[in-house]
């Protein structure tokens, strides 16, 4: 990256390599054990800015062909002890189903639909701001990153039901992105009037509130999914978003009980089955959070400064991107595959240990027998994907 000086490039490269091989907690002292950098250097460089979004975009573009991709947004709770860390607050923790005191990270990811996997693009710590709701803060992140998404031909952003709010939808749509998301089952929608103009007064625009069961005949029946789930769709007006949307209703009847799920897109021409496909793909972002927390130290930042927290969160997810991209390049396939981050973590640790050991013994990997041992023992203890 031309706008980054050589010492910073060296640090970022060493940081990512360390986050891939470390064992235990990703604290400054522990990362010092797995790298040639001191605790003080980690602490000092963590406070310096680096454009991780640009870095992630470039390595993804370099390693993968341009498949059909969408973007997804979600947030994850991070536990944090103490009282002086910047950004501490009450955030929803999905694992326990309630709000807890800690930190939160908001992530925008790229989802490759052909590979059925997600890659982190931009993660930011949620920081409460005066006169702004958290939904507005999330929207600002999307608006800032929207031009980069559009440069890659990504026009659709998927979010869960939490993001189905006017303060999020309006600025994101204004930025040029099209949203796919989920509505409440009792969403306040209105039918568009489809009758003829009577010739008197202002033309009628709406034709009453959408009553999902009583007005079922007014929906277009698309087909049926597994387990008797019927798909219906219709272009309607959302009073919440103040715009037209294409709503997709998944309706299922079991033991005389009817349940429904409402999906939507601000692109009124998007096919109902594509909306379902995009929303299902959104779940891949959850695996990013899971793997980063388990293997690349996502929750281990020991600093109390927001700048250091930002660096650590992004570095953790970028290290995960590197592993996933290396796996894809090694397999040499542009099709959907299964990846085990646990196995890659073990493999990278084995290689790191052998390199240290061979260096102490004065052995070179250019020697054929040494190279054979290196290759054989790299996968020692690795689990099948």
Protein backbone atom coordinates (compact mmCIF):
# COMPACT_ATOMS: atom_id res chain seq x y z
CA UNK A 1 0.00 0.00 0.00
CA UNK A 2 1.69 3.14 -1.29
CA UNK A 3 0.44 5.49 1.42
CA UNK A 4 1.82 3.30 4.24
CA UNK A 5 5.46 3.57 5.26
CA UNK A 6 7.71 0.52 5.39
CA UNK A 7 7.93 0.23 9.22
CA UNK A 8 4.14 0.16 9.45
CA UNK A 9 3.85 -2.45 6.69
CA UNK A 10 6.44 -4.54 8.52
CA UNK A 11 4.52 -4.25 11.79
CA UNK A 12 1.14 -5.14 10.26
CA UNK A 13 2.62 -8.16 8.49
CA UNK A 14 4.27 -9.35 11.72
CA UNK A 15 1.08 -8.69 13.70
CA UNK A 16 -1.07 -10.78 11.36
CA UNK A 17 1.50 -13.60 11.38
CA UNK A 18 1.52 -13.52 15.19
CA UNK A 19 -2.27 -13.62 15.49
CA UNK A 20 -2.26 -16.70 13.27
CA UNK A 21 0.19 -18.73 15.40
CA UNK A 22 -0.17 -17.55 19.01
CA UNK A 23 -1.48 -19.84 21.75
CA UNK A 24 -3.42 -18.61 24.78
CA UNK A 25 -4.42 -14.94 24.99
CA UNK A 26 -3.45 -12.32 22.42
CA UNK A 27 -1.99 -9.92 24.97
CA UNK A 28 1.09 -7.81 24.26
CA UNK A 29 3.28 -9.98 26.47
CA UNK A 30 2.06 -13.24 24.98
CA UNK A 31 2.34 -12.02 21.37
CA UNK A 32 5.91 -11.02 22.20
CA UNK A 33 6.63 -14.73 22.79
CA UNK A 34 5.56 -15.63 19.24
CA UNK A 35 7.21 -12.73 17.40
CA UNK A 36 10.36 -10.67 17.34
CA UNK A 37 8.52 -7.60 18.63
CA UNK A 38 8.50 -6.33 22.21
CA UNK A 39 5.46 -5.51 24.34
CA UNK A 40 6.28 -1.83 24.06
CA UNK A 41 6.30 -1.97 20.28
CA UNK A 42 2.89 -3.63 20.20
CA UNK A 43 1.53 -0.99 22.56
CA UNK A 44 3.02 1.88 20.57
CA UNK A 45 1.98 0.73 17.10
CA UNK A 46 -1.51 -0.31 18.17
CA UNK A 47 -2.35 3.38 18.55
CA UNK A 48 -1.45 4.22 14.95
CA UNK A 49 -4.07 4.17 12.22
CA UNK A 50 -4.05 1.72 9.31
CA UNK A 51 -6.61 1.32 6.51
CA UNK A 52 -7.64 -2.29 7.11
CA UNK A 53 -10.68 -1.95 4.84
CA UNK A 54 -8.43 -1.14 1.88
CA UNK A 55 -6.03 -3.92 2.86
CA UNK A 56 -8.82 -6.50 3.07
CA UNK A 57 -10.34 -5.37 -0.22
CA UNK A 58 -7.03 -5.68 -2.05
CA UNK A 59 -6.06 -9.12 -0.76
CA UNK A 60 -9.53 -10.46 -1.56
CA UNK A 61 -9.42 -9.00 -5.07
CA UNK A 62 -5.93 -10.44 -5.58
CA UNK A 63 -6.73 -13.94 -4.34
CA UNK A 64 -10.26 -14.55 -5.60
CA UNK A 65 -12.07 -14.09 -8.92
CA UNK A 66 -14.98 -11.66 -9.04
CA UNK A 67 -17.89 -13.94 -8.14
CA UNK A 68 -21.38 -12.75 -7.28
CA UNK A 69 -21.02 -10.97 -3.92
CA UNK A 70 -23.15 -9.10 -1.44
CA UNK A 71 -22.33 -7.23 1.76
CA UNK A 72 -23.65 -7.98 5.23
CA UNK A 73 -23.64 -6.06 8.49
CA UNK A 74 -23.88 -7.31 12.06
CA UNK A 75 -22.57 -6.48 15.53
CA UNK A 76 -21.04 -8.66 18.23
CA UNK A 77 -20.70 -8.20 21.98
CA UNK A 78 -17.22 -8.26 23.57
CA UNK A 79 -16.84 -8.74 27.31
CA UNK A 80 -14.46 -6.28 28.99
CA UNK A 81 -13.55 -5.90 32.65
CA UNK A 82 -12.66 -2.62 34.30
CA UNK A 83 -14.30 0.78 34.16
CA UNK A 84 -11.93 3.02 32.18
CA UNK A 85 -11.96 1.42 28.70
CA UNK A 86 -13.20 3.82 26.04
CA UNK A 87 -16.53 2.76 24.57
CA UNK A 88 -17.76 0.76 27.57
CA UNK A 89 -21.53 0.55 27.66
CA UNK A 90 -24.54 -1.70 27.72
CA UNK A 91 -24.81 -3.79 24.57
CA UNK A 92 -26.99 -6.72 23.58
CA UNK A 93 -25.26 -10.08 24.00
CA UNK A 94 -27.00 -12.62 21.78
CA UNK A 95 -25.38 -15.61 23.51
CA UNK A 96 -27.28 -14.85 26.74
CA UNK A 97 -30.22 -12.99 25.23
CA UNK A 98 -29.82 -9.77 27.21
CA UNK A 99 -27.79 -6.57 27.46
CA UNK A 100 -24.49 -6.69 29.32
CA UNK A 101 -21.74 -4.24 30.21
CA UNK A 102 -18.84 -4.40 27.78
CA UNK A 103 -17.85 -3.41 24.25
CA UNK A 104 -19.38 -3.96 20.83
CA UNK A 105 -17.91 -4.34 17.35
CA UNK A 106 -19.87 -3.56 14.18
CA UNK A 107 -18.70 -5.51 11.13
CA UNK A 108 -19.32 -5.08 7.41
CA UNK A 109 -18.33 -8.20 5.51
CA UNK A 110 -18.26 -9.41 1.93
CA UNK A 111 -20.12 -12.65 1.25
CA UNK A 112 -19.07 -14.66 -1.78
CA UNK A 113 -22.25 -16.43 -2.84
CA UNK A 114 -20.47 -19.05 -4.96
CA UNK A 115 -18.04 -19.98 -2.21
CA UNK A 116 -20.75 -19.48 0.44
CA UNK A 117 -18.31 -17.83 2.80
CA UNK A 118 -17.75 -14.37 4.29
CA UNK A 119 -14.65 -12.19 4.44
CA UNK A 120 -14.27 -9.26 6.83
CA UNK A 121 -14.03 -5.84 5.26
CA UNK A 122 -14.41 -3.17 7.95
CA UNK A 123 -15.00 -3.54 11.68
CA UNK A 124 -15.46 -0.64 14.08
CA UNK A 125 -15.96 -0.37 17.79
CA UNK A 126 -19.40 0.99 18.61
CA UNK A 127 -18.87 4.33 20.34
CA UNK A 128 -21.89 6.20 21.66
CA UNK A 129 -22.14 9.75 20.33
CA UNK A 130 -24.12 12.72 21.57
CA UNK A 131 -27.43 13.28 19.79
CA UNK A 132 -27.02 10.10 17.72
CA UNK A 133 -28.64 6.73 18.22
CA UNK A 134 -26.61 3.57 17.71
CA UNK A 135 -28.63 2.81 14.57
CA UNK A 136 -27.44 6.13 13.13
CA UNK A 137 -23.85 5.23 14.04
CA UNK A 138 -24.18 1.92 12.18
CA UNK A 139 -25.65 3.75 9.19
CA UNK A 140 -22.70 6.16 9.13
CA UNK A 141 -20.30 3.22 8.91
CA UNK A 142 -22.19 1.84 5.90
CA UNK A 143 -22.40 5.23 4.18
CA UNK A 144 -18.63 5.71 4.53
CA UNK A 145 -17.84 2.28 3.13
CA UNK A 146 -20.55 2.36 0.40
CA UNK A 147 -18.30 3.83 -2.36
CA UNK A 148 -15.78 1.02 -1.83
CA UNK A 149 -18.55 -1.58 -2.09
CA UNK A 150 -19.91 -0.03 -5.26
CA UNK A 151 -16.43 0.00 -6.82
CA UNK A 152 -16.47 -3.78 -6.48
CA UNK A 153 -19.93 -4.05 -8.02
CA UNK A 154 -21.60 -4.82 -4.67
CA UNK A 155 -25.02 -3.19 -4.54
CA UNK A 156 -26.86 -5.24 -1.90
CA UNK A 157 -26.44 -5.02 1.86
CA UNK A 158 -28.08 -7.60 4.12
CA UNK A 159 -28.91 -7.05 7.78
CA UNK A 160 -31.09 -8.78 10.34
CA UNK A 161 -34.32 -7.40 11.80
CA UNK A 162 -32.51 -4.96 14.11
CA UNK A 163 -31.47 -2.82 11.13
CA UNK A 164 -35.01 -2.53 9.79
CA UNK A 165 -35.39 1.02 11.02
CA UNK A 166 -35.95 4.23 9.05
CA UNK A 167 -32.84 5.89 10.52
CA UNK A 168 -30.74 3.07 9.05
CA UNK A 169 -32.61 2.33 5.83
CA UNK A 170 -32.96 5.90 4.50
CA UNK A 171 -29.26 6.96 4.61
CA UNK A 172 -28.09 3.59 3.29
CA UNK A 173 -30.48 3.71 0.33
CA UNK A 174 -29.50 7.34 -0.30
CA UNK A 175 -25.85 6.19 -0.43
CA UNK A 176 -26.74 3.95 -3.39
CA UNK A 177 -27.05 0.55 -1.73
CA UNK A 178 -30.08 -1.73 -1.79
CA UNK A 179 -31.12 -3.38 1.45
CA UNK A 180 -32.31 -6.91 2.12
CA UNK A 181 -33.59 -7.62 5.61
CA UNK A 182 -36.29 -8.93 7.87
CA UNK A 183 -39.50 -7.30 9.14
CA UNK A 184 -41.66 -7.78 12.21
CA UNK A 185 -44.49 -10.22 11.62
CA UNK A 186 -46.94 -7.37 12.27
CA UNK A 187 -45.15 -4.82 10.07
CA UNK A 188 -47.21 -1.76 9.12
CA UNK A 189 -47.50 -2.03 5.33
CA UNK A 190 -49.96 -0.64 2.81
CA UNK A 191 -51.22 -1.91 -0.52
CA UNK A 192 -50.64 0.19 -3.60
CA UNK A 193 -53.88 1.06 -5.39
CA UNK A 194 -54.08 -0.87 -8.66
CA UNK A 195 -57.52 0.21 -9.84
CA UNK A 196 -58.34 2.66 -12.60
CA UNK A 197 -58.38 6.41 -12.07
CA UNK A 198 -61.91 7.67 -11.69
CA UNK A 199 -61.07 11.02 -13.22
CA UNK A 200 -61.96 13.12 -10.18
CA UNK A 201 -59.51 14.62 -7.71
CA UNK A 202 -56.07 13.38 -6.78
CA UNK A 203 -55.28 9.85 -7.99
CA UNK A 204 -55.61 7.25 -5.26
CA UNK A 205 -52.18 5.91 -4.22
CA UNK A 206 -52.86 3.42 -1.44
CA UNK A 207 -55.53 0.79 -0.96
CA UNK A 208 -55.56 0.02 2.77
CA UNK A 209 -53.42 -1.75 5.33
CA UNK A 210 -51.88 -5.13 4.53
CA UNK A 211 -53.60 -7.86 6.58
CA UNK A 212 -51.44 -10.87 5.97
CA UNK A 213 -54.01 -13.60 6.53
CA UNK A 214 -57.19 -11.91 5.33
CA UNK A 215 -55.45 -10.48 2.23
CA UNK A 216 -53.51 -13.60 1.33
CA UNK A 217 -55.20 -13.71 -2.09
CA UNK A 218 -53.66 -10.34 -2.99
CA UNK A 219 -50.13 -11.74 -2.75
CA UNK A 220 -48.43 -13.49 -5.66
CA UNK A 221 -47.74 -17.14 -4.88
CA UNK A 222 -44.15 -17.99 -5.87
CA UNK A 223 -43.82 -21.62 -4.84
CA UNK A 224 -43.05 -23.93 -1.96
CA UNK A 225 -39.91 -24.65 0.02
CA UNK A 226 -39.21 -27.73 2.11
CA UNK A 227 -41.52 -28.69 4.98
CA UNK A 228 -44.53 -27.06 3.38
CA UNK A 229 -43.31 -23.46 3.54
CA UNK A 230 -45.25 -21.39 1.02
CA UNK A 231 -43.67 -18.31 -0.57
CA UNK A 232 -45.69 -15.19 -1.34
CA UNK A 233 -44.50 -11.83 -2.58
CA UNK A 234 -45.82 -8.35 -3.40
CA UNK A 235 -44.67 -4.79 -3.89
CA UNK A 236 -46.06 -2.74 -1.00
CA UNK A 237 -45.45 0.57 0.79
CA UNK A 238 -43.65 0.60 4.15
CA UNK A 239 -44.90 3.33 6.45
CA UNK A 240 -41.82 2.80 8.64
CA UNK A 241 -39.27 3.22 5.83
CA UNK A 242 -41.41 5.70 3.88
CA UNK A 243 -40.68 3.93 0.61
CA UNK A 244 -41.80 1.04 -1.59
CA UNK A 245 -40.38 -2.40 -0.84
CA UNK A 246 -40.71 -5.90 -2.20
CA UNK A 247 -41.95 -8.04 0.68
CA UNK A 248 -41.57 -11.83 0.75
CA UNK A 249 -43.74 -13.85 3.13
CA UNK A 250 -42.70 -17.36 4.15
CA UNK A 251 -45.88 -18.99 5.47
CA UNK A 252 -46.13 -22.38 7.17
CA UNK A 253 -49.10 -24.20 8.65
CA UNK A 254 -48.57 -26.96 11.23
CA UNK A 255 -51.22 -28.57 13.40
CA UNK A 256 -53.72 -25.84 12.46
CA UNK A 257 -51.24 -23.15 13.54
CA UNK A 258 -49.91 -20.68 10.99
CA UNK A 259 -46.58 -18.89 11.31
CA UNK A 260 -44.90 -16.45 8.97
CA UNK A 261 -41.57 -14.75 8.35
CA UNK A 262 -41.37 -11.48 6.45
CA UNK A 263 -38.30 -10.60 4.37
CA UNK A 264 -37.94 -7.52 2.23
CA UNK A 265 -35.78 -5.65 -0.22
CA UNK A 266 -35.73 -1.96 -1.10
CA UNK A 267 -35.15 -3.16 -4.67
CA UNK A 268 -38.77 -3.72 -5.71
CA UNK A 269 -37.69 -5.67 -8.81
CA UNK A 270 -35.54 -8.23 -6.95
CA UNK A 271 -36.88 -11.76 -7.30
CA UNK A 272 -38.40 -13.32 -4.18
CA UNK A 273 -36.15 -16.40 -4.32
CA UNK A 274 -33.07 -14.17 -4.62
CA UNK A 275 -34.17 -12.22 -1.53
CA UNK A 276 -34.41 -15.50 0.39
CA UNK A 277 -31.00 -16.58 -0.94
CA UNK A 278 -29.36 -13.31 0.10
CA UNK A 279 -30.86 -13.37 3.57
CA UNK A 280 -29.78 -16.97 4.17
CA UNK A 281 -26.23 -16.07 3.08
CA UNK A 282 -26.17 -13.35 5.76
CA UNK A 283 -25.56 -16.02 8.40
CA UNK A 284 -21.99 -16.49 7.12
CA UNK A 285 -21.01 -13.33 9.01
CA UNK A 286 -21.70 -15.20 12.25
CA UNK A 287 -18.90 -17.65 11.43
CA UNK A 288 -16.47 -14.73 11.14
CA UNK A 289 -17.24 -13.65 14.69
CA UNK A 290 -17.08 -17.24 15.95
CA UNK A 291 -13.74 -18.07 14.34
CA UNK A 292 -12.13 -14.73 15.22
CA UNK A 293 -13.13 -15.14 18.86
CA UNK A 294 -11.90 -18.72 19.05
CA UNK A 295 -8.69 -18.55 17.02
CA UNK A 296 -7.37 -15.03 16.28
CA UNK A 297 -7.86 -13.23 19.60
CA UNK A 298 -10.82 -11.02 18.67
CA UNK A 299 -11.79 -10.44 22.31
CA UNK A 300 -8.28 -10.28 23.83
CA UNK A 301 -7.27 -6.63 23.39
CA UNK A 302 -5.82 -5.47 26.72
CA UNK A 303 -5.61 -1.77 25.89
CA UNK A 304 -8.20 0.70 27.14
CA UNK A 305 -7.75 3.11 24.22
CA UNK A 306 -10.27 3.11 21.38
CA UNK A 307 -7.48 3.42 18.76
CA UNK A 308 -5.77 0.27 20.02
CA UNK A 309 -9.09 -1.57 20.22
CA UNK A 310 -9.81 -0.61 16.61
CA UNK A 311 -6.43 -1.95 15.46
CA UNK A 312 -6.81 -5.21 17.37
CA UNK A 313 -10.35 -5.96 16.15
CA UNK A 314 -9.43 -5.32 12.52
CA UNK A 315 -6.14 -7.22 12.74
CA UNK A 316 -7.91 -10.24 14.22
CA UNK A 317 -10.40 -10.41 11.36
CA UNK A 318 -7.75 -9.64 8.72
CA UNK A 319 -5.67 -12.56 10.04
CA UNK A 320 -8.74 -14.74 9.63
CA UNK A 321 -9.13 -13.49 6.06
CA UNK A 322 -5.53 -14.47 5.32
CA UNK A 323 -6.14 -18.02 6.53
CA UNK A 324 -9.34 -18.40 4.52
CA UNK A 325 -7.75 -17.02 1.37
CA UNK A 326 -4.69 -19.24 1.74
CA UNK A 327 -6.97 -22.26 2.10
CA UNK A 328 -8.84 -21.27 -1.06
CA UNK A 329 -5.62 -20.75 -3.03
CA UNK A 330 -4.16 -24.05 -1.82
CA UNK A 331 -7.22 -25.97 -2.94
CA UNK A 332 -7.15 -24.15 -6.27
CA UNK A 333 -10.93 -24.30 -6.56
CA UNK A 334 -13.50 -21.61 -7.14
CA UNK A 335 -16.26 -23.80 -5.78
CA UNK A 336 -17.74 -24.13 -2.33
CA UNK A 337 -15.43 -25.98 0.08
CA UNK A 338 -15.19 -26.67 3.80
CA UNK A 339 -12.45 -24.97 5.81
CA UNK A 340 -11.27 -25.82 9.32
CA UNK A 341 -9.69 -22.78 10.99
CA UNK A 342 -8.66 -25.03 13.90
CA UNK A 343 -6.58 -27.14 11.51
CA UNK A 344 -5.01 -24.10 9.90
CA UNK A 345 -4.18 -22.70 13.32
CA UNK A 346 -2.47 -25.96 14.28
CA UNK A 347 -0.63 -26.12 10.96
CA UNK A 348 0.68 -22.57 11.24
CA UNK A 349 1.81 -23.15 14.82
CA UNK A 350 3.63 -26.35 13.82
CA UNK A 351 5.42 -24.53 11.01
CA UNK A 352 6.34 -21.64 13.30
CA UNK A 353 7.76 -24.05 15.90
CA UNK A 354 9.75 -26.04 13.33
CA UNK A 355 11.22 -22.89 11.80
CA UNK A 356 12.43 -21.80 15.24
CA UNK A 357 13.78 -25.28 16.01
CA UNK A 358 15.54 -25.73 12.67
CA UNK A 359 17.09 -22.28 12.98
CA UNK A 360 18.52 -23.18 16.42
CA UNK A 361 19.88 -26.45 15.02
CA UNK A 362 21.38 -24.75 11.99
CA UNK A 363 19.20 -26.73 9.57
CA UNK A 364 18.02 -25.23 6.29
CA UNK A 365 14.71 -25.91 4.56
CA UNK A 366 16.66 -26.06 1.31
CA UNK A 367 17.92 -29.51 2.43
CA UNK A 368 15.59 -32.13 0.96
CA UNK A 369 15.25 -34.30 4.09
CA UNK A 370 14.59 -31.26 6.26
CA UNK A 371 11.98 -30.01 3.80
CA UNK A 372 10.28 -33.43 3.84
CA UNK A 373 10.08 -33.44 7.64
CA UNK A 374 8.76 -29.88 7.56
CA UNK A 375 6.02 -30.84 5.13
CA UNK A 376 5.06 -34.04 6.97
CA UNK A 377 4.94 -32.47 10.43
CA UNK A 378 3.06 -29.34 9.36
CA UNK A 379 -0.24 -31.19 9.62
CA UNK A 380 0.61 -32.97 12.88
CA UNK A 381 -2.44 -32.79 15.14
CA UNK A 382 -4.59 -31.06 12.54
CA UNK A 383 -8.23 -32.05 12.44
CA UNK A 384 -10.20 -32.88 9.32
CA UNK A 385 -12.49 -30.10 8.07
